[in-house]
C-alpha atoms as a PDB file:
ATOM      1  CA  MET A   1      63.014  60.375 103.057  1.00  0.00           C
ATOM      2  CA  LEU A   2      65.826  57.802 102.470  1.00  0.00           C
ATOM      3  CA  ALA A   3      63.864  55.624 100.243  1.00  0.00           C
ATOM      4  CA  TRP A   4      62.632  58.890  98.467  1.00  0.00           C
ATOM      5  CA  GLY A   5      66.594  60.086  98.116  1.00  0.00           C
ATOM      6  CA  MET A   6      67.880  56.303  97.373  1.00  0.00           C
ATOM      7  CA  GLY A   7      65.149  56.608  93.916  1.00  0.00           C
ATOM      8  CA  GLY A   8      67.159  59.314  92.304  1.00  0.00           C
ATOM      9  CA  SER A   9      68.322  58.562  88.425  1.00  0.00           C
ATOM     10  CA  SER A  10      72.054  58.232  89.429  1.00  0.00           C
ATOM     11  CA  PHE A  11      71.293  55.508  91.782  1.00  0.00           C
ATOM     12  CA  ALA A  12      68.849  53.772  89.288  1.00  0.00           C
ATOM     13  CA  GLU A  13      71.722  53.728  86.775  1.00  0.00           C
ATOM     14  CA  GLN A  14      74.442  52.390  89.578  1.00  0.00           C
ATOM     15  CA  ARG A  15      71.674  49.834  90.432  1.00  0.00           C
ATOM     16  CA  ALA A  16      71.196  48.743  86.896  1.00  0.00           C
ATOM     17  CA  ARG A  17      74.728  47.808  86.309  1.00  0.00           C
ATOM     18  CA  ALA A  18      75.372  46.130  89.811  1.00  0.00           C
ATOM     19  CA  LEU A  19      72.340  43.583  89.072  1.00  0.00           C
ATOM     20  CA  GLU A  20      73.602  42.513  86.073  1.00  0.00           C
ATOM     21  CA  GLY A  21      74.115  38.832  86.126  1.00  0.00           C
ATOM     22  CA  ALA A  22      71.712  38.567  88.782  1.00  0.00           C
ATOM     23  CA  ARG A  23      69.903  34.563  87.975  1.00  0.00           C
ATOM     24  CA  GLY A  24      67.835  31.787  89.348  1.00  0.00           C
ATOM     25  CA  ARG A  25      66.535  31.884  92.982  1.00  0.00           C
ATOM     26  CA  VAL A  26      67.648  35.331  94.483  1.00  0.00           C
ATOM     27  CA  LEU A  27      68.070  36.742  97.720  1.00  0.00           C
ATOM     28  CA  GLU A  28      68.197  40.387  98.388  1.00  0.00           C
ATOM     29  CA  LEU A  29      69.654  41.636 101.574  1.00  0.00           C
ATOM     30  CA  GLY A  30      67.897  44.853 102.049  1.00  0.00           C
ATOM     31  CA  PHE A  31      65.057  45.334  99.913  1.00  0.00           C
ATOM     32  CA  GLY A  32      64.220  48.483 101.331  1.00  0.00           C
ATOM     33  CA  ALA A  33      61.504  50.194  99.043  1.00  0.00           C
ATOM     34  CA  GLY A  34      62.283  47.810  96.215  1.00  0.00           C
ATOM     35  CA  HIS A  35      64.190  50.342  94.032  1.00  0.00           C
ATOM     36  CA  ASN A  36      66.296  47.109  92.626  1.00  0.00           C
ATOM     37  CA  LEU A  37      63.073  45.600  91.136  1.00  0.00           C
ATOM     38  CA  PRO A  38      63.009  46.989  87.716  1.00  0.00           C
ATOM     39  CA  HIS A  39      66.964  46.139  87.178  1.00  0.00           C
ATOM     40  CA  TYR A  40      66.528  42.585  87.352  1.00  0.00           C
ATOM     41  CA  GLY A  41      66.715  40.915  84.085  1.00  0.00           C
ATOM     42  CA  GLU A  42      64.738  37.860  82.879  1.00  0.00           C
ATOM     43  CA  GLU A  43      67.191  35.677  84.282  1.00  0.00           C
ATOM     44  CA  VAL A  44      65.509  35.877  87.442  1.00  0.00           C
ATOM     45  CA  GLU A  45      62.839  33.480  88.397  1.00  0.00           C
ATOM     46  CA  GLU A  46      62.263  34.219  92.303  1.00  0.00           C
ATOM     47  CA  LEU A  47      63.633  36.947  94.743  1.00  0.00           C
ATOM     48  CA  LEU A  48      63.327  36.534  98.382  1.00  0.00           C
ATOM     49  CA  ALA A  49      63.570  39.952 100.352  1.00  0.00           C
ATOM     50  CA  VAL A  50      65.007  40.814 103.668  1.00  0.00           C
ATOM     51  CA  GLU A  51      64.259  43.908 105.199  1.00  0.00           C
ATOM     52  CA  PRO A  52      64.337  44.847 108.300  1.00  0.00           C
ATOM     53  CA  VAL A  53      62.448  48.555 107.812  1.00  0.00           C
ATOM     54  CA  LEU A  54      58.642  47.356 107.961  1.00  0.00           C
ATOM     55  CA  LEU A  55      57.610  50.905 106.738  1.00  0.00           C
ATOM     56  CA  ASN A  56      59.638  50.330 103.802  1.00  0.00           C
ATOM     57  CA  ARG A  57      57.533  47.191 102.922  1.00  0.00           C
ATOM     58  CA  LYS A  58      54.637  49.817 102.211  1.00  0.00           C
ATOM     59  CA  LEU A  59      56.559  51.927 100.203  1.00  0.00           C
ATOM     60  CA  ALA A  60      57.623  49.108  97.981  1.00  0.00           C
ATOM     61  CA  ALA A  61      54.098  47.260  97.992  1.00  0.00           C
ATOM     62  CA  LYS A  62      53.160  49.168  94.298  1.00  0.00           C
ATOM     63  CA  ARG A  63      56.706  47.757  93.130  1.00  0.00           C
ATOM     64  CA  VAL A  64      56.360  44.611  94.301  1.00  0.00           C
ATOM     65  CA  ALA A  65      52.470  44.303  92.728  1.00  0.00           C
ATOM     66  CA  ALA A  66      54.282  45.686  89.145  1.00  0.00           C
ATOM     67  CA  ALA A  67      57.660  43.256  89.424  1.00  0.00           C
ATOM     68  CA  PRO A  68      58.203  41.065  86.214  1.00  0.00           C
ATOM     69  CA  VAL A  69      59.311  38.743  89.223  1.00  0.00           C
ATOM     70  CA  PRO A  70      57.248  36.849  91.943  1.00  0.00           C
ATOM     71  CA  VAL A  71      58.681  38.842  95.291  1.00  0.00           C
ATOM     72  CA  GLN A  72      58.314  37.018  98.862  1.00  0.00           C
ATOM     73  CA  TRP A  73      59.245  38.578 102.187  1.00  0.00           C
ATOM     74  CA  ILE A  74      60.789  36.132 103.883  1.00  0.00           C
ATOM     75  CA  GLY A  75      62.957  37.986 107.123  1.00  0.00           C
ATOM     76  CA  LEU A  76      63.956  41.243 108.877  1.00  0.00           C
ATOM     77  CA  GLU A  77      67.604  40.872 109.375  1.00  0.00           C
ATOM     78  CA  GLY A  78      70.839  39.964 107.232  1.00  0.00           C
ATOM     79  CA  GLU A  79      72.125  37.882 110.558  1.00  0.00           C
ATOM     80  CA  SER A  80      69.710  35.112 110.171  1.00  0.00           C
ATOM     81  CA  ILE A  81      68.558  34.234 107.150  1.00  0.00           C
ATOM     82  CA  PRO A  82      65.449  31.830 107.518  1.00  0.00           C
ATOM     83  CA  LEU A  83      66.689  29.317 104.087  1.00  0.00           C
ATOM     84  CA  GLU A  84      68.106  25.841 103.921  1.00  0.00           C
ATOM     85  CA  ASP A  85      72.213  25.977 103.028  1.00  0.00           C
ATOM     86  CA  ALA A  86      73.065  26.351  99.404  1.00  0.00           C
ATOM     87  CA  SER A  87      69.372  27.410  98.292  1.00  0.00           C
ATOM     88  CA  VAL A  88      69.843  30.385  96.780  1.00  0.00           C
ATOM     89  CA  ASP A  89      71.824  31.296  92.698  1.00  0.00           C
ATOM     90  CA  THR A  90      72.233  34.651  93.599  1.00  0.00           C
ATOM     91  CA  VAL A  91      72.546  37.294  96.588  1.00  0.00           C
ATOM     92  CA  THR A  92      72.482  40.885  96.097  1.00  0.00           C
ATOM     93  CA  THR A  93      73.081  44.051  97.849  1.00  0.00           C
ATOM     94  CA  THR A  94      73.032  47.704  97.321  1.00  0.00           C
ATOM     95  CA  TRP A  95      73.753  50.651  99.558  1.00  0.00           C
ATOM     96  CA  THR A  96      72.732  48.535 102.597  1.00  0.00           C
ATOM     97  CA  LEU A  97      76.287  46.611 104.015  1.00  0.00           C
ATOM     98  CA  CYS A  98      76.905  49.909 105.706  1.00  0.00           C
ATOM     99  CA  THR A  99      74.194  49.657 108.013  1.00  0.00           C
ATOM    100  CA  ILE A 100      74.149  45.889 108.751  1.00  0.00           C
ATOM    101  CA  PRO A 101      74.642  46.340 112.567  1.00  0.00           C
ATOM    102  CA  ASP A 102      76.887  42.707 112.633  1.00  0.00           C
ATOM    103  CA  LEU A 103      77.985  42.869 109.079  1.00  0.00           C
ATOM    104  CA  ALA A 104      80.513  39.419 109.431  1.00  0.00           C
ATOM    105  CA  ARG A 105      77.693  37.678 110.461  1.00  0.00           C
ATOM    106  CA  ALA A 106      75.492  38.397 107.533  1.00  0.00           C
ATOM    107  CA  LEU A 107      78.178  38.028 105.219  1.00  0.00           C
ATOM    108  CA  ALA A 108      78.323  34.721 106.310  1.00  0.00           C
ATOM    109  CA  GLU A 109      74.580  33.819 106.300  1.00  0.00           C
ATOM    110  CA  ALA A 110      74.506  35.028 102.535  1.00  0.00           C
ATOM    111  CA  ARG A 111      77.409  32.629 101.843  1.00  0.00           C
ATOM    112  CA  ARG A 112      75.865  29.701 103.686  1.00  0.00           C
ATOM    113  CA  VAL A 113      72.746  29.965 101.483  1.00  0.00           C
ATOM    114  CA  LEU A 114      74.338  30.260  98.402  1.00  0.00           C
ATOM    115  CA  ARG A 115      74.894  27.278  96.293  1.00  0.00           C
ATOM    116  CA  PRO A 116      78.667  26.736  95.370  1.00  0.00           C
ATOM    117  CA  ASP A 117      78.406  28.341  91.973  1.00  0.00           C
ATOM    118  CA  GLY A 118      76.459  30.969  93.393  1.00  0.00           C
ATOM    119  CA  ARG A 119      77.157  34.340  93.143  1.00  0.00           C
ATOM    120  CA  LEU A 120      77.382  37.791  95.349  1.00  0.00           C
ATOM    121  CA  LEU A 121      76.365  40.816  93.709  1.00  0.00           C
ATOM    122  CA  PHE A 122      76.956  43.864  95.470  1.00  0.00           C
ATOM    123  CA  LEU A 123      77.127  47.742  95.358  1.00  0.00           C
ATOM    124  CA  GLU A 124      78.212  49.830  98.886  1.00  0.00           C
ATOM    125  CA  HIS A 125      79.725  53.168  99.808  1.00  0.00           C
ATOM    126  CA  GLY A 126      82.453  53.172 102.151  1.00  0.00           C
ATOM    127  CA  ARG A 127      86.080  53.711 103.187  1.00  0.00           C
ATOM    128  CA  TYR A 128      87.516  56.335 100.689  1.00  0.00           C
ATOM    129  CA  PRO A 129      91.242  55.115 100.057  1.00  0.00           C
ATOM    130  CA  ASP A 130      92.801  59.050 100.912  1.00  0.00           C
ATOM    131  CA  PRO A 131      93.693  58.755 104.362  1.00  0.00           C
ATOM    132  CA  ARG A 132      92.440  62.286 104.691  1.00  0.00           C
ATOM    133  CA  ILE A 133      88.938  61.591 104.076  1.00  0.00           C
ATOM    134  CA  ALA A 134      88.801  58.419 105.571  1.00  0.00           C
ATOM    135  CA  ARG A 135      89.979  60.303 109.093  1.00  0.00           C
ATOM    136  CA  TRP A 136      87.290  62.284 108.133  1.00  0.00           C
ATOM    137  CA  GLN A 137      84.854  59.415 107.831  1.00  0.00           C
ATOM    138  CA  ASP A 138      86.105  57.745 111.197  1.00  0.00           C
ATOM    139  CA  ARG A 139      85.251  61.284 112.889  1.00  0.00           C
ATOM    140  CA  LEU A 140      81.705  61.468 111.556  1.00  0.00           C
ATOM    141  CA  ASN A 141      80.650  57.678 111.560  1.00  0.00           C
ATOM    142  CA  GLY A 142      78.916  58.372 114.800  1.00  0.00           C
ATOM    143  CA  ILE A 143      76.705  61.235 113.833  1.00  0.00           C
ATOM    144  CA  GLN A 144      76.054  59.126 110.744  1.00  0.00           C
ATOM    145  CA  LYS A 145      75.133  56.100 112.532  1.00  0.00           C
ATOM    146  CA  PHE A 146      72.670  58.000 114.297  1.00  0.00           C
ATOM    147  CA  CYS A 147      71.054  59.931 111.704  1.00  0.00           C
ATOM    148  CA  PHE A 148      71.059  57.583 109.231  1.00  0.00           C
ATOM    149  CA  GLY A 149      69.763  54.102 110.643  1.00  0.00           C
ATOM    150  CA  GLY A 150      73.107  52.799 111.391  1.00  0.00           C
ATOM    151  CA  CYS A 151      74.743  53.793 108.478  1.00  0.00           C
ATOM    152  CA  HIS A 152      79.086  53.455 108.860  1.00  0.00           C
ATOM    153  CA  LEU A 153      80.847  55.440 106.166  1.00  0.00           C
ATOM    154  CA  ASN A 154      83.812  53.734 106.584  1.00  0.00           C
ATOM    155  CA  ARG A 155      83.511  50.129 106.157  1.00  0.00           C
ATOM    156  CA  LYS A 156      86.151  48.677 103.724  1.00  0.00           C
ATOM    157  CA  ILE A 157      83.264  46.492 102.122  1.00  0.00           C
ATOM    158  CA  ASP A 158      85.719  44.574  99.959  1.00  0.00           C
ATOM    159  CA  ASP A 159      87.777  43.371 103.227  1.00  0.00           C
ATOM    160  CA  GLU A 160      84.872  42.445 105.208  1.00  0.00           C
ATOM    161  CA  ILE A 161      83.332  40.210 101.983  1.00  0.00           C
ATOM    162  CA  ARG A 162      86.639  38.796 101.598  1.00  0.00           C
ATOM    163  CA  ALA A 163      86.573  38.127 105.369  1.00  0.00           C
ATOM    164  CA  ALA A 164      84.013  36.073 105.214  1.00  0.00           C
ATOM    165  CA  GLY A 165      85.090  33.877 103.134  1.00  0.00           C
ATOM    166  CA  PHE A 166      84.148  35.177  99.519  1.00  0.00           C
ATOM    167  CA  ARG A 167      86.431  35.514  96.444  1.00  0.00           C
ATOM    168  CA  ILE A 168      86.088  39.038  94.642  1.00  0.00           C
ATOM    169  CA  GLU A 169      86.115  38.300  91.068  1.00  0.00           C
ATOM    170  CA  GLU A 170      85.003  41.870  89.436  1.00  0.00           C
ATOM    171  CA  LEU A 171      85.414  44.705  91.954  1.00  0.00           C
ATOM    172  CA  GLU A 172      85.011  48.796  90.149  1.00  0.00           C
ATOM    173  CA  ASN A 173      86.016  51.231  92.900  1.00  0.00           C
ATOM    174  CA  TYR A 174      84.840  55.196  91.736  1.00  0.00           C
ATOM    175  CA  SER A 175      83.543  58.258  93.301  1.00  0.00           C
ATOM    176  CA  MET A 176      80.192  59.289  93.003  1.00  0.00           C
ATOM    177  CA  GLN A 177      79.184  62.715  92.708  1.00  0.00           C
ATOM    178  CA  GLY A 178      78.663  63.878  95.965  1.00  0.00           C
ATOM    179  CA  PRO A 179      80.303  64.620  99.432  1.00  0.00           C
ATOM    180  CA  ARG A 180      83.563  62.760  99.494  1.00  0.00           C
ATOM    181  CA  ILE A 181      82.871  61.127 102.249  1.00  0.00           C
ATOM    182  CA  LEU A 182      79.535  59.354 101.217  1.00  0.00           C
ATOM    183  CA  SER A 183      80.631  59.169  97.390  1.00  0.00           C
ATOM    184  CA  TRP A 184      83.418  56.121  97.285  1.00  0.00           C
ATOM    185  CA  MET A 185      81.582  53.320  95.732  1.00  0.00           C
ATOM    186  CA  TYR A 186      82.208  49.638  95.766  1.00  0.00           C
ATOM    187  CA  ARG A 187      80.642  47.554  93.164  1.00  0.00           C
ATOM    188  CA  GLY A 188      81.661  43.972  92.301  1.00  0.00           C
ATOM    189  CA  ARG A 189      80.808  40.578  92.141  1.00  0.00           C
ATOM    190  CA  GLY A 190      82.083  37.539  94.773  1.00  0.00           C
ATOM    191  CA  THR A 191      81.715  33.649  94.920  1.00  0.00           C
ATOM    192  CA  PRO A 192      81.775  31.288  97.738  1.00  0.00           C
ATOM    193  CA  GLU A 193      85.492  30.171  98.438  1.00  0.00           C
END
């Protein structure tokens, strides 16, 4: 159900904008059902996919077969990426950082595998800046995590990325259509410090 919902046209537009600038050897954390594949440009040479939900590999099979870039499944968890240090040019993550159990460890792994001139491209939902809505996110977070695969409503994504040793070079915050507890977006680009 989540794979179907995340494939909608409003999500596609956001994915296209977030993935601009992906290049070279790309690591995608939370590959899901492969909805990002059509949005990678010609500068992407290879895509390495990390995805913990094995069903998503089946759901992504047709998209992977039709992809203009080779896709290789390399792992299940963002907290333990089976790659050498400084071995990828770009790490991408779209609507994934909310679900990773040990986010700090996963972001440290992303930083470890990025080349010094590499980039982290992200598109995530998270903590709303209005304190009243943020309080509701805190109240409902446990229910959200239980019902939606560990998804947190209240992570302040930019702070998490900075704490992991990234410098955020671009950041756009905005609200997508939908319930405010789910709709505050963080889209941007970071580089290892």
